[in-house]
Amino acid sequence: MKRLWLLLVLGGCTLGPDYKRPQLELPAQYPEASPASAPALPADWWKLYADPALDQLVATAQQANADVRLAAARVHEAEGVLREARAAIFPDIIGSYNYTRARVSTVASPPVPPGFPLIRPNHTLAASTNFEVDFWGRFSRATEAARASLLGAQYSRDTVQLSLAGAIAQAYFALRSLDAQIAVLDNTIRVRRDSLDIARARLDAGLASELDLQQARGALSDALVQKREAERSRSLVEHQLGQLTGKLDLKFARADLFALPLTPLPPAGLPSALLERRPDIRQAEEALVAANAQIGIARAALFPTITLTGTAGAQSAALGDLLTSGAKIWTLGFGLALPLFDAGRRSARLDQARARSEQAVAGYQRAVETGFREVADALVNVQQSGESEAELKDRLDAARAALELSTLRYEKGYSPYLEVLDAQRTANDAELAFVRNRQARLGFSVDLMKALGGGWNSGSGRSGPQ
């Protein structure tokens, strides 16, 4: 029996293909590359913006956000699945004690000998086991799949945390942009109130027409509507930040958008490095590993199941005799179950497993290609928005100068109020465009940091049982 045991344990094999990472064709570099001398991206990349309020928002969200908690719970579930899969390679040992009293028939055949008790007590104390030998590697493949699922859950959690930090940063920059836009509109409203007063005074003095007055009134109303819309948008962004952080009653005082620094661009590195730097790509790869292992599980189901059973214990009529040598009992068995006919059910499951593996390959390819595109897009956006800011600053300076000149000309009676109105609108639009471009620059830098993995590495996701 010992030789049989060694043969079963050592002579087995692991069915199914061993995992190999798919070879994908990636460009040697990105179309737009960041400076190679830029510092590497830290894991807490949002601190590069040097805003304590933003730091606190991210820290709060990482603890209280519902999506993060959901992802963490899924990691705990996957840990339990892995422990269960590992336990399958060990035998179940069950201890039992039974006591029975039975009366035998006096008229049955063979007859009860004279003097033999008709009521017989029986005590049984035993340990039993039922062990399926992992001869074809079904349990080892199941453990492989469970381990990959655990890593995938960890990488999914890290993806959620990275996306959450990015969403908070984007919303926070939108909030500060709206603060700046409201400040611009407050100034516009002040200027247009002054213009309305001037138009009314000139009308009373016979130096302006009713048309000038109504145009000034309309311009003021337009600025008031723009401000109300900006304040509405600001409230919605506050609500968004409240949901992201799990603090639904968040309120923010106004702050200066331009106090936020424009961080140095992180080095983009090689496209091939994304395979290790982005948790969503690693998550897709672990899904492929798990699907690949499922092929081995499905193949093993086509082969015989080898089972060992055994019982050891004691049995006696008197409880006090259970520990005597004569009460010992034991059994040892060997079973072989071979699927003879299932109408193709097992082979169909194998086909399904192979198809799911092909789907996982496509999913992995899509994740890699999406990552490359996001980095390339972010690099272009960061570069273009930076170049646009200088042009928008020139436009703003020119609009301010034109407004000053047109106002002076109108006050001296050299031009109609329509010229002032056009200059005010141009200056207001230039101010808002400059603010929105700064928000876009900050947002695009967040996009780049997220696209590059936010300082993440695969080692950060390998906590828990392996």
Protein backbone atom coordinates (compact mmCIF):
# COMPACT_ATOMS: atom_id res chain seq x y z
CA MET A 1 0.00 0.00 0.00
CA LYS A 2 2.90 2.38 0.71
CA ARG A 3 4.25 1.70 -2.78
CA LEU A 4 0.83 2.44 -4.25
CA TRP A 5 0.68 5.72 -2.34
CA LEU A 6 4.09 6.81 -3.61
CA LEU A 7 3.14 5.82 -7.15
CA LEU A 8 -0.03 7.90 -7.02
CA VAL A 9 1.59 10.95 -5.49
CA LEU A 10 4.83 10.98 -7.47
CA GLY A 11 3.59 9.56 -10.73
CA GLY A 12 0.95 12.21 -11.41
CA CYS A 13 1.11 15.01 -13.93
CA THR A 14 -0.37 18.47 -14.35
CA LEU A 15 -2.60 18.74 -17.38
CA GLY A 16 -3.22 21.92 -19.32
CA PRO A 17 -0.92 24.56 -20.81
CA ASP A 18 1.55 26.41 -18.62
CA TYR A 19 1.07 30.17 -18.74
CA LYS A 20 3.20 32.31 -21.04
CA ARG A 21 2.70 36.05 -21.42
CA PRO A 22 1.38 36.92 -24.90
CA GLN A 23 3.85 38.71 -27.14
CA LEU A 24 2.33 42.03 -28.19
CA GLU A 25 3.83 44.45 -30.67
CA LEU A 26 4.37 47.82 -29.03
CA PRO A 27 6.13 50.90 -30.45
CA ALA A 28 9.66 51.49 -29.27
CA GLN A 29 8.66 54.86 -27.81
CA TYR A 30 5.73 57.23 -27.48
CA PRO A 31 5.02 59.82 -30.20
CA GLU A 32 5.58 62.61 -27.67
CA ALA A 33 8.15 61.91 -24.96
CA SER A 34 8.59 63.76 -21.69
CA PRO A 35 12.04 64.91 -20.51
CA ALA A 36 14.19 61.96 -19.53
CA SER A 37 15.68 63.98 -16.67
CA ALA A 38 12.35 64.43 -14.88
CA PRO A 39 12.09 62.73 -11.47
CA ALA A 40 10.39 59.36 -11.17
CA LEU A 41 6.73 59.41 -10.18
CA PRO A 42 6.08 58.75 -6.46
CA ALA A 43 3.22 56.56 -5.30
CA ASP A 44 1.59 59.55 -3.58
CA TRP A 45 1.88 61.63 -6.75
CA TRP A 46 -0.96 64.00 -5.79
CA LYS A 47 1.32 65.52 -3.14
CA LEU A 48 3.34 67.06 -5.97
CA TYR A 49 0.62 69.72 -6.18
CA ALA A 50 1.51 70.86 -2.64
CA ASP A 51 -2.08 71.42 -1.55
CA PRO A 52 -2.92 70.17 1.97
CA ALA A 53 -6.64 70.19 1.19
CA LEU A 54 -6.10 67.87 -1.78
CA ASP A 55 -3.88 65.59 0.32
CA GLN A 56 -6.56 65.35 3.00
CA LEU A 57 -9.28 64.59 0.44
CA VAL A 58 -7.31 61.69 -1.02
CA ALA A 59 -6.41 60.32 2.41
CA THR A 60 -10.04 60.45 3.52
CA ALA A 61 -11.29 58.82 0.34
CA GLN A 62 -8.82 55.93 0.55
CA GLN A 63 -10.42 55.02 3.89
CA ALA A 64 -14.08 55.88 3.37
CA ASN A 65 -14.86 55.55 -0.34
CA ALA A 66 -17.40 52.83 -1.07
CA ASP A 67 -15.60 51.59 -4.20
CA VAL A 68 -12.34 51.16 -2.27
CA ARG A 69 -14.11 49.26 0.50
CA LEU A 70 -15.85 47.07 -2.07
CA ALA A 71 -12.56 46.28 -3.79
CA ALA A 72 -10.91 45.49 -0.43
CA ALA A 73 -13.75 43.11 0.45
CA ARG A 74 -13.25 41.33 -2.87
CA VAL A 75 -9.59 40.86 -2.00
CA HIS A 76 -10.59 39.23 1.29
CA GLU A 77 -13.00 36.98 -0.58
CA ALA A 78 -10.27 35.97 -3.03
CA GLU A 79 -7.95 35.18 -0.12
CA GLY A 80 -10.57 32.79 1.22
CA VAL A 81 -10.98 31.15 -2.18
CA LEU A 82 -7.22 30.59 -2.39
CA ARG A 83 -7.07 29.03 1.07
CA GLU A 84 -9.92 26.73 0.11
CA ALA A 85 -8.19 25.72 -3.12
CA ARG A 86 -4.96 24.95 -1.29
CA ALA A 87 -6.80 22.85 1.27
CA ALA A 88 -8.12 20.55 -1.47
CA ILE A 89 -4.76 18.79 -1.82
CA PHE A 90 -4.97 17.57 1.80
CA PRO A 91 -7.23 14.78 3.06
CA ASP A 92 -10.30 15.45 5.15
CA ILE A 93 -10.07 13.61 8.49
CA ILE A 94 -13.32 13.29 10.41
CA GLY A 95 -13.60 11.99 13.97
CA SER A 96 -16.80 10.32 15.13
CA TYR A 97 -18.33 8.51 18.08
CA ASN A 98 -21.51 6.44 17.82
CA TYR A 99 -23.53 4.49 20.36
CA THR A 100 -26.33 2.12 19.38
CA ARG A 101 -28.60 -0.41 21.13
CA ALA A 102 -30.22 -3.06 18.98
CA ARG A 103 -32.50 -6.04 19.67
CA VAL A 104 -32.05 -9.14 17.55
CA SER A 105 -34.88 -11.38 16.37
CA THR A 106 -35.44 -14.74 18.12
CA VAL A 107 -37.09 -16.28 15.06
CA ALA A 108 -34.65 -15.21 12.38
CA SER A 109 -32.20 -17.51 10.69
CA PRO A 110 -29.76 -18.45 12.02
CA PRO A 111 -31.38 -18.62 15.45
CA VAL A 112 -29.92 -16.82 18.42
CA PRO A 113 -27.84 -19.19 20.57
CA PRO A 114 -29.26 -19.91 24.02
CA GLY A 115 -28.08 -17.41 26.61
CA PHE A 116 -27.03 -14.85 23.97
CA PRO A 117 -28.30 -11.38 24.91
CA LEU A 118 -31.14 -10.15 22.72
CA ILE A 119 -30.34 -6.45 23.29
CA ARG A 120 -26.83 -5.55 22.23
CA PRO A 121 -25.11 -2.19 22.90
CA ASN A 122 -22.35 -1.00 20.57
CA HIS A 123 -19.78 1.80 21.00
CA THR A 124 -17.74 2.98 18.01
CA LEU A 125 -14.93 5.56 18.14
CA ALA A 126 -13.22 6.19 14.80
CA ALA A 127 -11.40 8.59 12.51
CA SER A 128 -12.10 8.36 8.79
CA THR A 129 -10.69 9.98 5.68
CA ASN A 130 -11.62 10.33 2.05
CA PHE A 131 -8.81 11.66 -0.12
CA GLU A 132 -8.84 12.36 -3.85
CA VAL A 133 -5.33 12.08 -5.27
CA ASP A 134 -4.39 15.05 -7.45
CA PHE A 135 -2.98 12.74 -10.10
CA TRP A 136 -3.88 14.97 -13.07
CA GLY A 137 -3.15 18.32 -11.43
CA ARG A 138 -6.76 19.45 -11.08
CA PHE A 139 -6.20 20.80 -7.58
CA SER A 140 -2.87 22.42 -8.43
CA ARG A 141 -4.47 24.17 -11.41
CA ALA A 142 -7.33 25.28 -9.18
CA THR A 143 -4.78 26.73 -6.76
CA GLU A 144 -3.03 28.46 -9.66
CA ALA A 145 -6.34 29.97 -10.80
CA ALA A 146 -7.24 31.06 -7.27
CA ARG A 147 -3.83 32.67 -6.77
CA ALA A 148 -4.23 34.58 -10.04
CA SER A 149 -7.72 35.66 -9.01
CA LEU A 150 -6.35 36.95 -5.71
CA LEU A 151 -3.64 38.95 -7.45
CA GLY A 152 -6.24 40.21 -9.91
CA ALA A 153 -8.42 41.35 -7.01
CA GLN A 154 -5.46 43.13 -5.43
CA TYR A 155 -4.60 44.83 -8.72
CA SER A 156 -8.27 45.78 -9.14
CA ARG A 157 -8.19 47.37 -5.69
CA ASP A 158 -5.05 49.28 -6.63
CA THR A 159 -6.69 50.40 -9.89
CA VAL A 160 -9.68 51.69 -7.93
CA GLN A 161 -7.39 53.60 -5.57
CA LEU A 162 -5.44 55.11 -8.47
CA SER A 163 -8.61 56.09 -10.32
CA LEU A 164 -10.08 57.51 -7.13
CA ALA A 165 -7.06 59.73 -6.47
CA GLY A 166 -7.20 60.91 -10.08
CA ALA A 167 -10.93 61.64 -9.90
CA ILE A 168 -10.48 63.61 -6.68
CA ALA A 169 -7.62 65.64 -8.14
CA GLN A 170 -9.62 66.40 -11.29
CA ALA A 171 -12.68 67.43 -9.29
CA TYR A 172 -10.58 69.53 -6.93
CA PHE A 173 -8.96 71.36 -9.83
CA ALA A 174 -12.40 71.91 -11.35
CA LEU A 175 -13.51 73.40 -8.04
CA ARG A 176 -10.56 75.77 -7.93
CA SER A 177 -11.11 76.65 -11.59
CA LEU A 178 -14.71 77.57 -10.83
CA ASP A 179 -13.46 79.69 -7.92
CA ALA A 180 -11.24 81.56 -10.37
CA GLN A 181 -14.04 81.85 -12.92
CA ILE A 182 -16.39 83.26 -10.27
CA ALA A 183 -13.70 85.78 -9.31
CA VAL A 184 -13.39 86.81 -12.98
CA LEU A 185 -17.15 87.16 -13.26
CA ASP A 186 -17.31 89.16 -10.03
CA ASN A 187 -14.88 91.61 -11.57
CA THR A 188 -16.84 91.60 -14.84
CA ILE A 189 -20.04 92.34 -12.94
CA ARG A 190 -18.36 95.21 -11.11
CA VAL A 191 -17.07 96.67 -14.38
CA ARG A 192 -20.45 96.32 -16.07
CA ARG A 193 -22.27 97.92 -13.14
CA ASP A 194 -19.89 100.85 -13.48
CA SER A 195 -20.55 100.91 -17.22
CA LEU A 196 -24.30 100.91 -16.60
CA ASP A 197 -23.94 103.84 -14.20
CA ILE A 198 -21.85 105.72 -16.77
CA ALA A 199 -24.36 104.99 -19.53
CA ARG A 200 -27.24 106.21 -17.34
CA ALA A 201 -25.34 109.39 -16.41
CA ARG A 202 -24.47 110.09 -20.05
CA LEU A 203 -28.08 109.50 -21.05
CA ASP A 204 -29.27 111.98 -18.43
CA ALA A 205 -26.71 114.47 -19.72
CA GLY A 206 -27.84 113.94 -23.29
CA LEU A 207 -24.49 112.44 -24.29
CA ALA A 208 -25.72 108.87 -24.93
CA SER A 209 -28.74 107.14 -26.37
CA GLU A 210 -31.28 104.79 -24.78
CA LEU A 211 -29.66 102.04 -26.83
CA ASP A 212 -26.40 102.46 -24.90
CA LEU A 213 -28.28 102.10 -21.62
CA GLN A 214 -30.13 98.94 -22.67
CA GLN A 215 -26.94 97.38 -24.03
CA ALA A 216 -25.24 98.01 -20.69
CA ARG A 217 -28.19 96.46 -18.84
CA GLY A 218 -28.09 93.39 -21.08
CA ALA A 219 -24.34 92.97 -20.61
CA LEU A 220 -24.71 93.12 -16.83
CA SER A 221 -27.51 90.54 -16.88
CA ASP A 222 -25.40 88.25 -19.03
CA ALA A 223 -22.53 88.38 -16.51
CA LEU A 224 -24.92 87.68 -13.62
CA VAL A 225 -26.29 84.62 -15.42
CA GLN A 226 -22.75 83.35 -16.08
CA LYS A 227 -21.88 83.72 -12.42
CA ARG A 228 -25.02 81.90 -11.32
CA GLU A 229 -24.17 79.05 -13.69
CA ALA A 230 -20.60 78.89 -12.35
CA GLU A 231 -21.90 78.78 -8.76
CA ARG A 232 -24.30 75.98 -9.70
CA SER A 233 -21.44 74.00 -11.25
CA ARG A 234 -19.34 74.60 -8.15
CA SER A 235 -22.05 73.13 -5.93
CA LEU A 236 -22.21 70.04 -8.13
CA VAL A 237 -18.44 69.58 -7.90
CA GLU A 238 -18.67 69.84 -4.11
CA HIS A 239 -21.29 67.09 -4.18
CA GLN A 240 -19.01 64.98 -6.36
CA LEU A 241 -16.10 65.38 -3.95
CA GLY A 242 -18.41 64.50 -1.08
CA GLN A 243 -19.40 61.25 -2.72
CA LEU A 244 -15.81 60.37 -3.65
CA THR A 245 -14.60 60.91 -0.10
CA GLY A 246 -17.62 59.42 1.65
CA LYS A 247 -18.26 62.79 3.34
CA LEU A 248 -21.51 63.96 1.80
CA ASP A 249 -21.63 67.32 3.61
CA LEU A 250 -18.31 68.69 2.35
CA LYS A 251 -18.04 72.44 1.85
CA PHE A 252 -15.03 74.37 0.58
CA ALA A 253 -13.97 77.97 0.93
CA ARG A 254 -12.71 79.66 -2.19
CA ALA A 255 -9.04 79.25 -3.02
CA ASP A 256 -6.61 80.36 -5.70
CA LEU A 257 -6.29 78.07 -8.71
CA PHE A 258 -2.97 79.62 -9.71
CA ALA A 259 -1.42 78.78 -6.33
CA LEU A 260 -1.32 75.14 -7.47
CA PRO A 261 2.10 74.40 -8.98
CA LEU A 262 2.56 72.96 -12.44
CA THR A 263 4.46 69.80 -11.57
CA PRO A 264 7.39 68.55 -13.67
CA LEU A 265 6.41 65.93 -16.20
CA PRO A 266 7.27 62.39 -15.10
CA PRO A 267 9.36 60.36 -17.54
CA ALA A 268 7.11 58.31 -19.81
CA GLY A 269 9.67 55.51 -20.14
CA LEU A 270 9.26 52.73 -22.68
CA PRO A 271 5.82 51.49 -23.72
CA SER A 272 6.84 47.97 -22.69
CA ALA A 273 7.28 49.21 -19.10
CA LEU A 274 3.52 49.76 -18.87
CA LEU A 275 3.08 46.00 -18.57
CA GLU A 276 4.50 46.24 -15.04
CA ARG A 277 3.55 49.80 -14.07
CA ARG A 278 -0.22 49.81 -14.52
CA PRO A 279 -2.37 47.78 -12.14
CA ASP A 280 -5.22 47.48 -14.64
CA ILE A 281 -2.89 45.79 -17.14
CA ARG A 282 -1.63 43.43 -14.45
CA GLN A 283 -5.22 42.72 -13.48
CA ALA A 284 -6.01 41.77 -17.09
CA GLU A 285 -2.95 39.52 -17.17
CA GLU A 286 -3.95 37.72 -13.98
CA ALA A 287 -7.40 37.14 -15.48
CA LEU A 288 -5.58 35.48 -18.37
CA VAL A 289 -3.50 33.36 -15.97
CA ALA A 290 -6.66 32.20 -14.22
CA ALA A 291 -8.41 31.40 -17.50
CA ASN A 292 -5.36 29.46 -18.67
CA ALA A 293 -5.40 27.38 -15.47
CA GLN A 294 -9.08 26.61 -15.97
CA ILE A 295 -8.15 24.74 -19.16
CA GLY A 296 -6.11 22.32 -17.07
CA ILE A 297 -9.01 21.86 -14.66
CA ALA A 298 -11.36 21.08 -17.53
CA ARG A 299 -8.88 18.62 -19.07
CA ALA A 300 -8.39 16.80 -15.78
CA ALA A 301 -12.14 16.17 -15.62
CA LEU A 302 -11.78 13.91 -18.68
CA PHE A 303 -9.56 11.46 -16.78
CA PRO A 304 -10.27 8.98 -13.96
CA THR A 305 -10.67 10.15 -10.37
CA ILE A 306 -8.47 8.27 -7.90
CA THR A 307 -9.71 8.15 -4.32
CA LEU A 308 -8.21 6.72 -1.13
CA THR A 309 -10.44 5.98 1.85
CA GLY A 310 -9.61 4.78 5.32
CA THR A 311 -11.00 4.34 8.81
CA ALA A 312 -9.23 3.60 12.09
CA GLY A 313 -10.75 3.31 15.52
CA ALA A 314 -12.27 1.00 18.10
CA GLN A 315 -15.56 -0.79 18.59
CA SER A 316 -16.89 -2.58 21.66
CA ALA A 317 -20.08 -3.47 23.46
CA ALA A 318 -18.87 -1.88 26.68
CA LEU A 319 -17.63 1.69 26.76
CA GLY A 320 -14.76 0.71 29.03
CA ASP A 321 -13.41 -1.74 26.42
CA LEU A 322 -12.95 0.88 23.68
CA LEU A 323 -9.30 1.43 24.54
CA THR A 324 -8.35 -2.25 24.68
CA SER A 325 -6.32 -3.82 21.91
CA GLY A 326 -9.09 -6.20 20.98
CA ALA A 327 -11.44 -3.32 20.13
CA LYS A 328 -9.31 -1.99 17.29
CA ILE A 329 -10.85 -1.72 13.83
CA TRP A 330 -9.59 -0.32 10.54
CA THR A 331 -10.38 -0.23 6.85
CA LEU A 332 -8.37 0.96 3.87
CA GLY A 333 -9.72 1.34 0.38
CA PHE A 334 -8.82 2.48 -3.09
CA GLY A 335 -11.31 3.74 -5.69
CA LEU A 336 -11.15 4.61 -9.36
CA ALA A 337 -14.00 6.46 -11.10
CA LEU A 338 -13.80 6.74 -14.88
CA PRO A 339 -16.24 8.84 -16.90
CA LEU A 340 -17.67 6.49 -19.52
CA PHE A 341 -20.46 8.56 -21.03
CA ASP A 342 -21.65 12.12 -20.40
CA ALA A 343 -22.96 13.08 -23.86
CA GLY A 344 -19.93 15.35 -24.41
CA ARG A 345 -20.52 17.50 -21.33
CA ARG A 346 -16.91 17.42 -20.13
CA SER A 347 -15.43 18.09 -23.56
CA ALA A 348 -17.87 20.99 -23.96
CA ARG A 349 -16.58 22.44 -20.70
CA LEU A 350 -13.04 22.14 -22.04
CA ASP A 351 -14.06 24.04 -25.18
CA GLN A 352 -15.63 26.72 -23.00
CA ALA A 353 -12.44 27.05 -20.94
CA ARG A 354 -10.36 27.46 -24.08
CA ALA A 355 -12.75 30.07 -25.42
CA ARG A 356 -12.60 31.99 -22.14
CA SER A 357 -8.81 31.91 -22.35
CA GLU A 358 -9.00 33.41 -25.84
CA GLN A 359 -11.29 36.12 -24.49
CA ALA A 360 -8.80 36.84 -21.72
CA VAL A 361 -5.99 37.18 -24.27
CA ALA A 362 -8.06 39.73 -26.16
CA GLY A 363 -8.87 41.53 -22.90
CA TYR A 364 -5.19 41.69 -22.02
CA GLN A 365 -4.34 43.05 -25.46
CA ARG A 366 -7.06 45.67 -25.15
CA ALA A 367 -5.78 46.74 -21.71
CA VAL A 368 -2.23 47.15 -23.04
CA GLU A 369 -3.35 49.08 -26.11
CA THR A 370 -5.61 51.30 -24.00
CA GLY A 371 -2.73 52.04 -21.66
CA PHE A 372 -0.45 53.02 -24.54
CA ARG A 373 -3.10 55.29 -26.04
CA GLU A 374 -3.81 56.98 -22.71
CA VAL A 375 -0.13 57.78 -22.18
CA ALA A 376 0.26 59.06 -25.75
CA ASP A 377 -2.89 61.19 -25.46
CA ALA A 378 -1.83 62.62 -22.11
CA LEU A 379 1.62 63.54 -23.41
CA VAL A 380 0.10 65.41 -26.36
CA ASN A 381 -2.46 67.17 -24.17
CA VAL A 382 0.14 68.25 -21.62
CA GLN A 383 2.43 69.64 -24.30
CA GLN A 384 -0.28 71.39 -26.30
CA SER A 385 -2.00 72.94 -23.29
CA GLY A 386 1.34 74.27 -22.07
CA GLU A 387 2.00 75.91 -25.42
CA SER A 388 -1.54 77.32 -25.49
CA GLU A 389 -1.11 79.06 -22.14
CA ALA A 390 1.49 81.49 -23.46
CA GLU A 391 -0.75 82.36 -26.40
CA LEU A 392 -3.78 82.78 -24.14
CA LYS A 393 -1.76 85.07 -21.87
CA ASP A 394 -0.90 87.29 -24.86
CA ARG A 395 -4.57 87.30 -25.85
CA LEU A 396 -5.59 88.28 -22.32
CA ASP A 397 -3.07 91.13 -22.13
CA ALA A 398 -4.27 92.45 -25.48
CA ALA A 399 -7.93 92.19 -24.46
CA ARG A 400 -7.31 94.09 -21.24
CA ALA A 401 -5.49 96.85 -23.10
CA ALA A 402 -8.26 97.05 -25.71
CA LEU A 403 -10.89 97.31 -22.97
CA GLU A 404 -9.05 100.14 -21.29
CA LEU A 405 -8.71 102.04 -24.58
CA SER A 406 -12.31 101.48 -25.68
CA THR A 407 -13.63 102.60 -22.29
CA LEU A 408 -11.56 105.77 -22.47
CA ARG A 409 -12.75 106.48 -26.03
CA TYR A 410 -16.38 106.00 -25.01
CA GLU A 411 -16.08 108.25 -21.98
CA LYS A 412 -14.64 110.99 -24.21
CA GLY A 413 -17.40 110.49 -26.77
CA TYR A 414 -15.17 109.15 -29.55
CA SER A 415 -16.93 105.78 -29.96
CA PRO A 416 -20.32 104.15 -29.30
CA TYR A 417 -20.98 101.96 -26.29
CA LEU A 418 -21.10 98.90 -28.55
CA GLU A 419 -17.31 99.15 -28.87
CA VAL A 420 -16.94 99.03 -25.09
CA LEU A 421 -19.36 96.13 -24.87
CA ASP A 422 -17.40 94.12 -27.42
CA ALA A 423 -14.15 94.85 -25.58
CA GLN A 424 -15.68 93.77 -22.26
CA ARG A 425 -16.92 90.52 -23.74
CA THR A 426 -13.56 89.84 -25.34
CA ALA A 427 -11.71 90.51 -22.08
CA ASN A 428 -14.16 88.38 -20.08
CA ASP A 429 -13.83 85.49 -22.54
CA ALA A 430 -10.04 85.79 -22.50
CA GLU A 431 -9.97 85.72 -18.69
CA LEU A 432 -12.18 82.63 -18.56
CA ALA A 433 -10.24 80.88 -21.33
CA PHE A 434 -6.97 81.46 -19.48
CA VAL A 435 -8.46 80.03 -16.27
CA ARG A 436 -9.91 76.99 -18.04
CA ASN A 437 -6.65 76.29 -19.82
CA ARG A 438 -4.81 76.28 -16.49
CA GLN A 439 -7.38 73.81 -15.16
CA ALA A 440 -6.85 71.72 -18.30
CA ARG A 441 -3.07 71.76 -17.83
CA LEU A 442 -3.44 70.51 -14.28
CA GLY A 443 -5.99 67.93 -15.36
CA PHE A 444 -3.83 66.67 -18.21
CA SER A 445 -0.91 66.25 -15.81
CA VAL A 446 -3.19 64.08 -13.66
CA ASP A 447 -4.15 62.09 -16.76
CA LEU A 448 -0.47 61.49 -17.50
CA MET A 449 0.31 60.38 -13.96
CA LYS A 450 -2.64 57.99 -13.98
CA ALA A 451 -1.77 56.68 -17.44
CA LEU A 452 1.77 55.91 -16.27
CA GLY A 453 0.43 53.97 -13.29
CA GLY A 454 0.69 56.66 -10.62
CA GLY A 455 4.01 55.38 -9.25
CA TRP A 456 2.51 51.90 -8.82
CA ASN A 457 4.56 48.74 -9.21
CA SER A 458 3.53 45.10 -9.24
CA GLY A 459 5.16 44.46 -5.88
CA SER A 460 2.66 46.73 -4.14
CA GLY A 461 -0.15 44.39 -5.08
CA ARG A 462 1.39 41.16 -3.77
CA SER A 463 0.17 41.23 -0.24
CA GLY A 464 -1.74 38.37 1.29
CA PRO A 465 -1.33 34.66 0.74
CA GLN A 466 0.55 33.52 -2.31
